Amino acid sequence: MLPTLIIGLREGLEASLIIGIIAAFLIQRGERTALRPMWYGVGLAVALCAGVAAILEAVDRSLPHEQQERLTTVLALLAVAGVTYMVVWMKRHSRELKGSLVRSAEGALKLGSTRALVGMAFFAVLREGLETAVFLLAVFGNSTDPAVTGTGAVLGLAVSIGLGFAIYKGGVRINLSRFFRFTGFVLVLVAAGLLASAAHTAHEAGWMDVLQAQAFDLRWLVAPGSVRAALLTGMLGLQPVPTVGETLAWLVYAVPMALYMLWPARRPAQTERRTEPVTVAS
């Protein structure tokens, strides 16, 4: 549950922040007529993301076992690539996220059109939604309890929407730099587990026949069927009997990325030192 909850919370909050900032900006500028098409765009983006996820799931179910393993491997690798890009970008830009969005909104209005703002909301939700769909499909592929995994995703999205609305109303202040740093570290561990799982499914798909010797016997720690096993396997991707390839994939990704996320950020420039935690007032 925890990996999907973090994924839903992080991706949902990012989209909610963008929508909230754009909506508040439109209201402050007296462009309330643009709110309805903006929400239509958000709804269309959500529907498109759900459609893509459904198509990928249907395709996966229709394939023979070896083809399913290949698709699962590709989705896991795409998810790892997406997580890597997201956490690196957010570590560098989380301090200036609100200011960047406001500047983009101002630039759109200076061109005399609210369509650009509607497009910003649409593509923000579309991007985050597609990323979430790929992440969740990859995690679901390795889940032993889809119901619990799905519950985590729903809870994460629900909390993110609530936080986004509270920020929009001005009732909640969040230090985005710290928030994205913490969730980024958790997602690094999730991505490392996905990469280890990709090494496993790549072998099942016939793509990887090397480094298949047993590395450890972790059945004493990851006892099949236990709650502890569900947590460690779902969160860290630990398998009861990991191979050398799976272990190397996990370590090669997790160690440098975790150090990168935990390394203190550079001190902000003088103009950024007064940056407050994000709050959006309507």
Protein backbone atom coordinates (compact mmCIF):
# COMPACT_ATOMS: atom_id res chain seq x y z
CA MET A 1 0.00 0.00 0.00
CA LEU A 2 2.74 2.48 0.94
CA PRO A 3 4.42 2.69 -2.50
CA THR A 4 1.16 3.38 -4.33
CA LEU A 5 0.04 5.80 -1.60
CA ILE A 6 3.27 7.80 -2.03
CA ILE A 7 2.96 7.71 -5.82
CA GLY A 8 -0.67 8.87 -5.71
CA LEU A 9 0.09 11.55 -3.11
CA ARG A 10 3.11 12.98 -4.88
CA GLU A 11 1.78 12.94 -8.44
CA GLY A 12 -1.69 14.07 -7.37
CA LEU A 13 -0.38 16.94 -5.28
CA GLU A 14 1.83 18.16 -8.10
CA ALA A 15 -1.14 18.28 -10.47
CA SER A 16 -3.41 19.79 -7.78
CA LEU A 17 -0.89 22.54 -7.08
CA ILE A 18 -0.70 23.49 -10.73
CA ILE A 19 -4.48 23.51 -11.14
CA GLY A 20 -4.98 25.45 -7.90
CA ILE A 21 -2.43 28.11 -8.82
CA ILE A 22 -3.91 28.53 -12.30
CA ALA A 23 -7.49 28.71 -10.92
CA ALA A 24 -6.52 31.28 -8.29
CA PHE A 25 -4.67 33.30 -10.92
CA LEU A 26 -7.70 33.31 -13.24
CA ILE A 27 -10.00 34.44 -10.41
CA GLN A 28 -7.62 37.19 -9.33
CA ARG A 29 -7.44 38.47 -12.92
CA GLY A 30 -11.21 38.41 -13.37
CA GLU A 31 -11.12 35.55 -15.88
CA ARG A 32 -13.73 33.35 -14.22
CA THR A 33 -15.18 32.39 -17.62
CA ALA A 34 -12.02 30.39 -18.26
CA LEU A 35 -12.58 28.20 -15.20
CA ARG A 36 -15.22 26.01 -16.86
CA PRO A 37 -13.11 25.10 -19.93
CA MET A 38 -10.16 24.57 -17.59
CA TRP A 39 -12.14 21.96 -15.63
CA TYR A 40 -13.31 20.40 -18.91
CA GLY A 41 -9.67 20.09 -19.90
CA VAL A 42 -8.78 18.53 -16.54
CA GLY A 43 -11.62 16.02 -16.92
CA LEU A 44 -10.55 15.15 -20.46
CA ALA A 45 -6.96 14.62 -19.33
CA VAL A 46 -8.10 12.30 -16.52
CA ALA A 47 -10.26 10.32 -18.96
CA LEU A 48 -7.38 9.98 -21.43
CA CYS A 49 -5.02 8.73 -18.70
CA ALA A 50 -7.59 6.21 -17.48
CA GLY A 51 -8.10 5.05 -21.06
CA VAL A 52 -4.36 4.55 -21.62
CA ALA A 53 -4.07 2.58 -18.37
CA ALA A 54 -7.05 0.40 -19.33
CA ILE A 55 -5.62 -0.29 -22.78
CA LEU A 56 -2.21 -1.25 -21.39
CA GLU A 57 -3.84 -3.53 -18.82
CA ALA A 58 -6.05 -5.16 -21.49
CA VAL A 59 -3.07 -5.68 -23.79
CA ASP A 60 -1.08 -7.22 -20.95
CA ARG A 61 -3.89 -9.67 -20.13
CA SER A 62 -4.25 -10.74 -23.77
CA LEU A 63 -0.58 -11.61 -24.25
CA PRO A 64 1.00 -15.04 -23.64
CA HIS A 65 3.18 -15.40 -20.54
CA GLU A 66 6.52 -14.54 -22.15
CA GLN A 67 5.05 -11.48 -23.88
CA GLN A 68 3.47 -10.38 -20.59
CA GLU A 69 6.87 -10.55 -18.92
CA ARG A 70 8.36 -8.44 -21.67
CA LEU A 71 5.65 -5.78 -21.36
CA THR A 72 6.04 -5.83 -17.57
CA THR A 73 9.79 -5.31 -17.96
CA VAL A 74 9.31 -2.37 -20.33
CA LEU A 75 6.73 -0.74 -18.04
CA ALA A 76 9.02 -1.16 -15.04
CA LEU A 77 11.95 0.42 -16.89
CA LEU A 78 9.74 3.30 -18.06
CA ALA A 79 8.56 3.81 -14.49
CA VAL A 80 12.14 3.87 -13.19
CA ALA A 81 13.13 6.38 -15.86
CA GLY A 82 10.11 8.54 -15.01
CA VAL A 83 10.81 8.43 -11.27
CA THR A 84 14.46 9.33 -11.85
CA TYR A 85 13.63 12.32 -14.03
CA MET A 86 10.90 13.48 -11.66
CA VAL A 87 12.90 13.37 -8.43
CA VAL A 88 15.96 15.00 -10.01
CA TRP A 89 13.90 17.79 -11.60
CA MET A 90 11.92 18.41 -8.42
CA LYS A 91 15.04 18.48 -6.23
CA ARG A 92 16.39 21.26 -8.43
CA HIS A 93 13.19 23.26 -8.94
CA SER A 94 10.82 22.67 -6.01
CA ARG A 95 11.79 25.99 -4.37
CA GLU A 96 10.74 27.97 -7.42
CA LEU A 97 7.73 25.90 -8.54
CA LYS A 98 5.05 28.42 -7.60
CA GLY A 99 6.93 31.41 -9.02
CA SER A 100 7.57 29.59 -12.29
CA LEU A 101 3.90 28.72 -12.67
CA VAL A 102 2.76 32.27 -11.93
CA ARG A 103 5.24 33.68 -14.47
CA SER A 104 3.98 31.23 -17.09
CA ALA A 105 0.38 32.21 -16.35
CA GLU A 106 1.20 35.92 -16.60
CA GLY A 107 2.95 35.33 -19.91
CA ALA A 108 -0.09 33.51 -21.27
CA LEU A 109 -2.45 36.35 -20.33
CA LYS A 110 -0.11 38.95 -21.82
CA LEU A 111 -0.62 37.20 -25.15
CA GLY A 112 -4.33 37.94 -24.74
CA SER A 113 -5.57 34.38 -24.44
CA THR A 114 -6.77 32.20 -21.59
CA ARG A 115 -6.48 29.12 -23.81
CA ALA A 116 -2.85 28.78 -22.86
CA LEU A 117 -3.82 28.59 -19.17
CA VAL A 118 -6.46 25.97 -19.93
CA GLY A 119 -3.81 24.09 -21.89
CA MET A 120 -1.39 24.33 -18.97
CA ALA A 121 -3.92 22.66 -16.67
CA PHE A 122 -4.77 20.01 -19.27
CA PHE A 123 -1.18 19.04 -20.01
CA ALA A 124 -0.18 19.16 -16.34
CA VAL A 125 -2.86 16.61 -15.46
CA LEU A 126 -2.14 14.59 -18.61
CA ARG A 127 1.59 14.40 -17.83
CA GLU A 128 1.14 13.52 -14.18
CA GLY A 129 -1.68 11.11 -14.99
CA LEU A 130 0.32 9.20 -17.60
CA GLU A 131 3.30 9.00 -15.25
CA THR A 132 1.02 7.74 -12.48
CA ALA A 133 -0.57 5.17 -14.79
CA VAL A 134 2.83 3.75 -15.78
CA PHE A 135 4.08 3.74 -12.16
CA LEU A 136 0.97 2.06 -10.83
CA LEU A 137 0.83 -0.57 -13.58
CA ALA A 138 4.44 -1.44 -12.85
CA VAL A 139 3.78 -1.66 -9.10
CA PHE A 140 0.58 -3.65 -9.60
CA GLY A 141 2.54 -6.11 -11.73
CA ASN A 142 4.67 -6.94 -8.69
CA SER A 143 1.89 -6.80 -6.10
CA THR A 144 0.70 -9.86 -4.22
CA ASP A 145 -2.46 -8.08 -3.02
CA PRO A 146 -3.94 -5.83 -5.75
CA ALA A 147 -6.81 -4.70 -3.48
CA VAL A 148 -4.45 -3.28 -0.86
CA THR A 149 -2.21 -1.81 -3.55
CA GLY A 150 -5.19 -0.11 -5.18
CA THR A 151 -6.41 1.22 -1.84
CA GLY A 152 -3.05 2.92 -1.31
CA ALA A 153 -3.28 4.64 -4.69
CA VAL A 154 -6.83 5.86 -4.04
CA LEU A 155 -5.92 7.16 -0.59
CA GLY A 156 -2.86 8.95 -1.95
CA LEU A 157 -4.87 10.66 -4.69
CA ALA A 158 -7.65 11.60 -2.26
CA VAL A 159 -5.20 13.17 0.20
CA SER A 160 -3.41 15.02 -2.60
CA ILE A 161 -6.68 16.51 -3.87
CA GLY A 162 -7.61 17.57 -0.34
CA LEU A 163 -4.21 19.18 0.22
CA GLY A 164 -4.34 20.89 -3.15
CA PHE A 165 -7.76 22.36 -2.34
CA ALA A 166 -6.59 23.48 1.11
CA ILE A 167 -3.53 25.16 -0.39
CA TYR A 168 -5.74 26.84 -3.01
CA LYS A 169 -7.99 28.21 -0.26
CA GLY A 170 -4.97 29.40 1.70
CA GLY A 171 -5.59 27.22 4.72
CA VAL A 172 -2.47 25.06 4.44
CA ARG A 173 1.19 25.97 3.99
CA ILE A 174 3.60 23.31 2.78
CA ASN A 175 7.35 23.48 2.42
CA LEU A 176 7.50 21.91 -1.03
CA SER A 177 11.26 21.45 -0.94
CA ARG A 178 11.06 19.23 2.16
CA PHE A 179 7.92 17.44 0.98
CA PHE A 180 9.35 16.48 -2.39
CA ARG A 181 12.68 15.58 -0.82
CA PHE A 182 11.04 13.06 1.54
CA THR A 183 8.69 11.57 -1.06
CA GLY A 184 11.54 11.54 -3.57
CA PHE A 185 13.66 9.42 -1.24
CA VAL A 186 10.78 6.96 -0.76
CA LEU A 187 10.21 6.78 -4.52
CA VAL A 188 13.91 6.07 -5.07
CA LEU A 189 13.52 2.93 -2.96
CA VAL A 190 10.36 2.01 -4.89
CA ALA A 191 12.17 2.55 -8.20
CA ALA A 192 15.09 0.41 -7.05
CA GLY A 193 12.62 -2.38 -6.29
CA LEU A 194 11.05 -1.94 -9.73
CA LEU A 195 14.47 -2.17 -11.35
CA ALA A 196 15.22 -5.38 -9.46
CA SER A 197 11.83 -6.73 -10.54
CA ALA A 198 12.62 -5.74 -14.13
CA ALA A 199 15.78 -7.83 -13.91
CA HIS A 200 13.62 -10.76 -12.77
CA THR A 201 10.95 -10.37 -15.47
CA ALA A 202 13.63 -9.79 -18.12
CA HIS A 203 14.98 -13.26 -17.27
CA GLU A 204 11.45 -14.72 -17.45
CA ALA A 205 11.04 -13.03 -20.85
CA GLY A 206 14.27 -14.57 -22.15
CA TRP A 207 16.12 -11.26 -22.35
CA MET A 208 18.58 -11.75 -19.50
CA ASP A 209 20.33 -15.07 -18.89
CA VAL A 210 23.36 -13.84 -16.93
CA LEU A 211 23.82 -13.16 -13.20
CA GLN A 212 21.11 -15.65 -12.28
CA ALA A 213 22.97 -17.28 -9.38
CA GLN A 214 21.39 -16.93 -5.94
CA ALA A 215 22.79 -13.92 -4.07
CA PHE A 216 21.15 -14.36 -0.66
CA ASP A 217 18.52 -16.38 1.11
CA LEU A 218 16.21 -13.82 2.73
CA ARG A 219 13.36 -16.18 3.54
CA TRP A 220 14.05 -15.59 7.23
CA LEU A 221 13.32 -11.89 6.68
CA VAL A 222 10.87 -11.95 3.78
CA ALA A 223 8.72 -14.85 4.90
CA PRO A 224 6.22 -15.56 2.08
CA GLY A 225 2.66 -14.64 3.02
CA SER A 226 3.60 -12.45 5.99
CA VAL A 227 2.76 -8.77 6.45
CA ARG A 228 6.46 -8.03 6.72
CA ALA A 229 7.06 -9.72 3.38
CA ALA A 230 4.28 -7.70 1.75
CA LEU A 231 5.81 -4.47 3.07
CA LEU A 232 9.41 -5.25 2.20
CA THR A 233 8.59 -6.71 -1.20
CA GLY A 234 6.09 -3.99 -2.08
CA MET A 235 8.22 -1.13 -0.76
CA LEU A 236 11.81 -2.21 -1.36
CA GLY A 237 11.34 -4.90 -3.97
CA LEU A 238 13.10 -7.47 -1.77
CA GLN A 239 12.56 -11.07 -2.89
CA PRO A 240 12.92 -14.12 -0.63
CA VAL A 241 15.74 -15.50 -2.82
CA PRO A 242 17.14 -12.66 -4.98
CA THR A 243 19.56 -13.35 -7.79
CA VAL A 244 22.90 -11.62 -8.28
CA GLY A 245 21.43 -9.60 -11.15
CA GLU A 246 18.45 -8.41 -9.09
CA THR A 247 20.71 -7.49 -6.16
CA LEU A 248 23.14 -5.56 -8.36
CA ALA A 249 20.28 -3.71 -10.08
CA TRP A 250 18.86 -2.66 -6.70
CA LEU A 251 22.19 -1.52 -5.24
CA VAL A 252 23.50 0.24 -8.36
CA TYR A 253 20.36 2.37 -8.51
CA ALA A 254 19.37 2.80 -4.85
CA VAL A 255 22.71 3.76 -3.32
CA PRO A 256 23.72 6.71 -5.56
CA MET A 257 20.14 7.98 -5.97
CA ALA A 258 19.43 7.84 -2.23
CA LEU A 259 22.65 9.72 -1.50
CA TYR A 260 21.70 12.30 -4.13
CA MET A 261 18.26 12.84 -2.59
CA LEU A 262 19.60 13.07 0.98
CA TRP A 263 22.55 15.32 0.09
CA PRO A 264 21.91 18.86 1.35
CA ALA A 265 20.70 21.16 -1.37
CA ARG A 266 22.82 24.11 -2.41
CA ARG A 267 22.11 27.25 -0.45
CA PRO A 268 19.59 29.33 -2.41
CA ALA A 269 20.65 32.57 -4.00
CA GLN A 270 20.04 35.82 -2.11
CA THR A 271 16.82 36.45 -4.03
CA GLU A 272 15.45 33.06 -2.99
CA ARG A 273 16.28 33.18 0.73
CA ARG A 274 12.97 34.77 1.60
CA THR A 275 10.97 32.10 -0.20
CA GLU A 276 8.03 31.03 1.95
CA PRO A 277 6.31 27.67 1.99
CA VAL A 278 3.72 27.58 -0.77
CA THR A 279 0.30 29.01 -0.10
CA VAL A 280 -2.23 30.06 -2.72
CA ALA A 281 -5.00 32.46 -1.78
CA SER A 282 -8.12 32.79 -3.79
